[in-house]
Protein backbone atom coordinates (compact mmCIF):
# COMPACT_ATOMS: atom_id res chain seq x y z
CA UNK A 1 0.00 0.00 0.00
CA UNK A 2 1.31 3.46 -0.91
CA UNK A 3 1.93 5.60 2.16
CA UNK A 4 1.03 9.27 2.46
CA UNK A 5 3.97 11.23 3.84
CA UNK A 6 3.85 13.78 6.66
CA UNK A 7 6.49 15.20 8.97
CA UNK A 8 7.25 17.68 11.71
CA UNK A 9 9.48 20.62 10.85
CA UNK A 10 11.37 22.57 13.48
CA UNK A 11 14.68 23.59 14.96
CA UNK A 12 15.45 21.75 17.19
CA UNK A 13 13.39 18.69 16.27
CA UNK A 14 15.40 15.64 17.31
CA UNK A 15 13.58 15.35 20.65
CA UNK A 16 10.13 15.31 19.01
CA UNK A 17 7.70 12.57 20.03
CA UNK A 18 5.43 13.33 17.07
CA UNK A 19 6.72 10.50 14.83
CA UNK A 20 6.01 7.97 17.60
CA UNK A 21 2.57 9.44 18.23
CA UNK A 22 1.52 9.51 14.59
CA UNK A 23 2.86 6.00 14.00
CA UNK A 24 0.53 4.78 16.74
CA UNK A 25 -2.37 6.81 15.32
CA UNK A 26 -1.77 5.26 11.89
CA UNK A 27 -1.57 1.75 13.31
CA UNK A 28 -4.75 2.14 15.34
CA UNK A 29 -6.82 3.74 12.57
CA UNK A 30 -5.43 1.80 9.61
CA UNK A 31 -4.59 5.04 7.82
CA UNK A 32 -1.65 4.75 5.36
CA UNK A 33 0.48 7.41 7.04
CA UNK A 34 4.28 7.64 7.13
CA UNK A 35 5.55 10.38 9.45
CA UNK A 36 9.10 11.69 9.93
CA UNK A 37 10.93 14.71 11.25
CA UNK A 38 12.97 17.37 9.48
CA UNK A 39 15.52 19.70 11.02
CA UNK A 40 15.10 22.99 9.19
CA UNK A 41 17.67 25.83 9.14
CA UNK A 42 16.31 28.85 10.98
CA UNK A 43 16.33 30.85 7.72
CA UNK A 44 15.14 28.01 5.51
CA UNK A 45 11.56 27.16 6.46
CA UNK A 46 9.84 28.32 3.24
CA UNK A 47 12.33 26.40 1.11
CA UNK A 48 11.99 23.26 3.26
CA UNK A 49 8.21 23.45 3.00
CA UNK A 50 8.33 23.82 -0.78
CA UNK A 51 10.79 20.92 -1.07
CA UNK A 52 8.67 18.55 1.04
CA UNK A 53 5.57 19.40 -0.96
CA UNK A 54 7.46 18.84 -4.24
CA UNK A 55 8.56 15.43 -2.96
CA UNK A 56 4.93 14.42 -2.59
CA UNK A 57 4.39 15.26 1.07
CA UNK A 58 0.76 15.65 2.09
CA UNK A 59 1.22 17.99 5.05
CA UNK A 60 3.28 18.71 8.12
CA UNK A 61 3.36 19.84 11.70
CA UNK A 62 5.31 22.99 12.49
CA UNK A 63 7.11 23.59 15.76
CA UNK A 64 9.42 26.32 17.09
CA UNK A 65 10.53 28.68 15.73
CA UNK A 66 8.42 28.52 12.54
CA UNK A 67 4.76 28.74 13.61
CA UNK A 68 4.39 32.46 12.90
CA UNK A 69 6.21 32.18 9.57
CA UNK A 70 3.99 29.24 8.62
CA UNK A 71 0.89 31.39 9.06
CA UNK A 72 2.21 33.82 6.44
CA UNK A 73 2.78 31.10 3.84
CA UNK A 74 -0.69 29.56 3.70
CA UNK A 75 -3.42 30.22 1.17
CA UNK A 76 -6.18 29.61 3.70
CA UNK A 77 -6.25 29.27 7.48
CA UNK A 78 -8.74 28.30 10.12
CA UNK A 79 -10.36 30.93 12.31
CA UNK A 80 -8.33 29.80 15.32
CA UNK A 81 -5.08 29.98 13.34
CA UNK A 82 -6.01 33.48 12.19
CA UNK A 83 -6.66 34.53 15.80
CA UNK A 84 -3.37 33.03 16.99
CA UNK A 85 -1.43 34.42 14.04
CA UNK A 86 0.40 31.09 14.02
CA UNK A 87 0.01 27.64 12.44
CA UNK A 88 1.25 24.31 13.76
CA UNK A 89 -0.58 22.12 11.20
CA UNK A 90 -0.35 22.47 7.43
CA UNK A 91 -2.23 20.47 4.82
CA UNK A 92 -1.15 20.55 1.18
CA UNK A 93 -4.32 20.97 -0.90
CA UNK A 94 -4.63 21.33 -4.67
CA UNK A 95 -5.46 25.01 -4.29
CA UNK A 96 -2.59 25.77 -1.92
CA UNK A 97 -1.60 25.21 1.68
CA UNK A 98 -4.27 25.12 4.41
CA UNK A 99 -3.09 26.16 7.87
CA UNK A 100 -4.56 25.36 11.27
CA UNK A 101 -3.53 25.71 14.89
CA UNK A 102 -4.45 22.66 16.99
CA UNK A 103 -2.51 23.60 20.15
CA UNK A 104 -5.46 25.18 21.95
CA UNK A 105 -7.88 22.39 21.07
CA UNK A 106 -5.26 19.93 22.28
CA UNK A 107 -4.94 21.72 25.60
CA UNK A 108 -8.71 21.96 26.10
CA UNK A 109 -9.21 18.27 25.26
CA UNK A 110 -6.48 17.28 27.69
CA UNK A 111 -7.78 19.41 30.56
CA UNK A 112 -11.41 18.38 30.10
CA UNK A 113 -11.25 14.82 28.75
CA UNK A 114 -8.03 13.46 30.27
CA UNK A 115 -7.70 15.50 33.47
CA UNK A 116 -11.47 15.58 33.97
CA UNK A 117 -11.73 19.32 34.69
CA UNK A 118 -14.66 21.04 32.98
CA UNK A 119 -13.65 24.60 32.12
CA UNK A 120 -17.12 26.13 31.80
CA UNK A 121 -17.75 28.67 34.54
CA UNK A 122 -14.23 28.33 36.01
CA UNK A 123 -11.62 30.99 36.80
CA UNK A 124 -8.53 30.49 34.63
CA UNK A 125 -5.07 32.08 34.71
CA UNK A 126 -2.88 31.95 31.60
CA UNK A 127 0.75 32.80 32.37
CA UNK A 128 2.54 34.36 29.41
CA UNK A 129 1.48 36.24 26.29
CA UNK A 130 3.86 34.86 23.68
CA UNK A 131 3.28 32.39 20.88
CA UNK A 132 2.28 29.51 23.14
CA UNK A 133 -0.36 31.59 24.90
CA UNK A 134 -1.63 33.07 21.65
CA UNK A 135 -2.02 29.57 20.23
CA UNK A 136 -4.27 28.33 23.02
CA UNK A 137 -6.30 31.36 24.04
CA UNK A 138 -9.06 31.08 21.41
CA UNK A 139 -10.10 27.50 22.27
CA UNK A 140 -9.81 28.30 25.99
CA UNK A 141 -12.28 31.16 25.50
CA UNK A 142 -14.60 28.88 23.51
CA UNK A 143 -14.65 26.45 26.46
CA UNK A 144 -16.52 29.27 28.29
CA UNK A 145 -14.76 29.70 31.62
CA UNK A 146 -16.19 32.59 33.60
CA UNK A 147 -12.95 34.56 33.52
CA UNK A 148 -9.51 34.30 31.94
CA UNK A 149 -6.67 36.48 33.21
CA UNK A 150 -3.53 36.72 31.07
CA UNK A 151 -0.47 37.57 33.16
CA UNK A 152 2.75 38.64 31.47
CA UNK A 153 5.96 40.45 32.35
CA UNK A 154 5.14 43.08 29.73
CA UNK A 155 1.48 43.90 30.23
CA UNK A 156 1.14 45.46 26.77
CA UNK A 157 1.58 42.02 25.15
CA UNK A 158 -1.15 40.59 27.37
CA UNK A 159 -3.40 43.54 26.54
CA UNK A 160 -2.82 42.92 22.82
CA UNK A 161 -3.97 39.31 23.23
CA UNK A 162 -7.06 40.50 25.09
CA UNK A 163 -7.85 42.97 22.31
CA UNK A 164 -7.42 40.33 19.59
CA UNK A 165 -9.82 37.96 21.36
CA UNK A 166 -12.28 40.57 22.64
CA UNK A 167 -15.06 39.78 20.15
CA UNK A 168 -14.78 36.03 20.75
CA UNK A 169 -14.77 36.54 24.51
CA UNK A 170 -17.88 38.73 24.32
CA UNK A 171 -19.67 36.16 22.14
CA UNK A 172 -18.72 33.43 24.62
CA UNK A 173 -19.65 35.50 27.72
CA UNK A 174 -16.09 35.24 29.03
CA UNK A 175 -14.46 38.00 31.07
CA UNK A 176 -10.97 38.56 29.64
CA UNK A 177 -8.32 40.58 31.53
CA UNK A 178 -4.62 41.39 31.35
CA UNK A 179 -2.19 42.03 34.19
CA UNK A 180 1.50 41.98 35.11
CA UNK A 181 3.02 38.87 36.66
CA UNK A 182 3.47 40.34 40.14
CA UNK A 183 -0.06 41.73 40.41
CA UNK A 184 -2.34 38.83 39.52
CA UNK A 185 -5.84 39.52 40.90
CA UNK A 186 -7.26 36.67 42.97
CA UNK A 187 -6.95 32.89 42.93
CA UNK A 188 -7.89 30.45 40.17
CA UNK A 189 -9.34 27.01 39.53
CA UNK A 190 -7.01 26.37 36.59
CA UNK A 191 -3.53 27.81 36.02
CA UNK A 192 -1.75 27.26 32.69
CA UNK A 193 1.92 28.07 32.27
CA UNK A 194 2.61 29.17 28.70
CA UNK A 195 6.02 30.75 29.36
CA UNK A 196 9.50 29.40 28.64
CA UNK A 197 10.50 29.49 32.30
CA UNK A 198 10.39 25.69 32.53
CA UNK A 199 12.85 25.32 29.66
CA UNK A 200 15.27 27.82 31.17
CA UNK A 201 15.04 26.37 34.68
CA UNK A 202 13.78 29.69 36.05
CA UNK A 203 11.35 29.78 38.94
CA UNK A 204 7.58 29.93 38.54
CA UNK A 205 6.85 33.56 37.58
CA UNK A 206 3.74 34.06 39.74
CA UNK A 207 3.02 33.83 43.46
CA UNK A 208 1.50 30.66 44.91
CA UNK A 209 -1.49 32.75 46.00
CA UNK A 210 -2.89 32.34 42.46
CA UNK A 211 -3.70 28.70 43.28
CA UNK A 212 -7.02 27.83 44.86
CA UNK A 213 -6.90 24.69 47.04
CA UNK A 214 -7.07 21.70 44.69
CA UNK A 215 -6.54 23.85 41.59
CA UNK A 216 -5.27 22.24 38.40
CA UNK A 217 -1.88 23.69 37.43
CA UNK A 218 -0.76 22.73 33.92
CA UNK A 219 2.60 23.38 32.30
CA UNK A 220 2.69 23.23 28.50
CA UNK A 221 6.11 21.58 28.77
CA UNK A 222 6.59 17.91 29.64
CA UNK A 223 9.36 15.68 30.93
CA UNK A 224 12.16 17.07 33.13
CA UNK A 225 11.49 20.63 31.91
CA UNK A 226 8.06 20.64 33.58
CA UNK A 227 9.10 19.09 36.88
CA UNK A 228 9.86 22.37 38.67
CA UNK A 229 6.41 23.77 37.90
CA UNK A 230 4.70 20.51 38.86
CA UNK A 231 6.57 20.38 42.17
CA UNK A 232 5.59 24.00 42.87
CA UNK A 233 1.95 23.07 42.25
CA UNK A 234 2.12 20.04 44.54
CA UNK A 235 3.90 22.01 47.27
CA UNK A 236 1.03 24.50 47.35
CA UNK A 237 -1.92 22.10 47.37
CA UNK A 238 -2.65 22.04 43.64
CA UNK A 239 -2.81 19.17 41.16
CA UNK A 240 0.10 19.38 38.72
CA UNK A 241 -0.18 18.31 35.09
CA UNK A 242 2.44 18.40 32.36
CA UNK A 243 1.97 19.11 28.66
CA UNK A 244 2.25 15.55 27.38
CA UNK A 245 -1.51 15.20 27.07
CA UNK A 246 -1.70 18.47 25.18
CA UNK A 247 1.00 17.18 22.82
CA UNK A 248 -0.94 13.99 22.04
CA UNK A 249 -4.29 15.75 21.75
CA UNK A 250 -3.02 18.47 19.40
CA UNK A 251 -1.49 15.70 17.28
CA UNK A 252 -4.86 13.94 17.18
CA UNK A 253 -6.48 17.15 15.94
CA UNK A 254 -3.79 17.47 13.26
CA UNK A 255 -4.42 13.86 12.20
CA UNK A 256 -8.11 14.74 11.88
CA UNK A 257 -7.28 17.75 9.67
CA UNK A 258 -5.18 15.52 7.40
CA UNK A 259 -7.15 12.29 7.34
CA UNK A 260 -10.71 13.13 8.38
CA UNK A 261 -10.38 10.59 11.21
CA UNK A 262 -9.80 11.38 14.89
CA UNK A 263 -7.55 8.69 16.41
CA UNK A 264 -7.93 7.25 19.95
CA UNK A 265 -5.80 9.87 21.66
CA UNK A 266 -6.49 8.77 25.24
CA UNK A 267 -5.14 5.27 24.58
CA UNK A 268 -2.05 6.64 22.84
CA UNK A 269 -1.39 9.08 25.70
CA UNK A 270 -1.47 6.19 28.18
CA UNK A 271 0.95 4.22 25.97
CA UNK A 272 3.31 7.18 25.66
CA UNK A 273 3.39 7.76 29.42
CA UNK A 274 4.32 4.10 29.90
CA UNK A 275 6.96 4.37 27.18
CA UNK A 276 8.58 7.43 28.77
CA UNK A 277 8.51 5.85 32.24
CA UNK A 278 10.77 2.98 31.14
């Protein structure tokens, strides 16, 4: 059987679990998918994309630092990708490249379906206002928490995210606010860390007072990089969760964009956790 080729493009990309995840999705759904990874020079994304498409590739995932550039190269993009200004999933169609952003849907699926925390009516804190935060904010708003506060070192960036999502927030009856990291108003049911502090080994950038007792505190990172944030959450009476579930769920949404089939993401997440625990 001829295989349809996909890949993840990024720099760095060697650490990526996406090929493992998509191999399991293909095996479990019977879809003829072959998935690899490509290290792309930081100034060579457009050329790498064109080359993969010319080779017969059907689509790709995009990781750092190319998500914003990807959004500028597509012929059509989903509403959530347009809001985020970034794409992590590209599909090569006859009429051009279609771009989507599945990060936010992946996070919402993981929090609600895997962690079992319904977001509707909750108080949610999103730490950071960079690309990671921009990628998830739209689907978080659509999950209809009562309030989302975006906390960032530079408040102007958080305010820009609020402004970009103002219409969606109003339509979803969600109160959307911006603040600086050291002046977060109140305590929250769900806290999501969308900053790079975990990667750099820096401390958690907000006070523990943001955590309500039993709150869910989720870092978008996973593995050793997330451990500091998870320990902070546990030390202050919260439930810590890493970003591995978000990774699997956003991949499942990408698979759906490509193949029209949503794979059994919960089963693959459980397999991956066992694999990484070895």
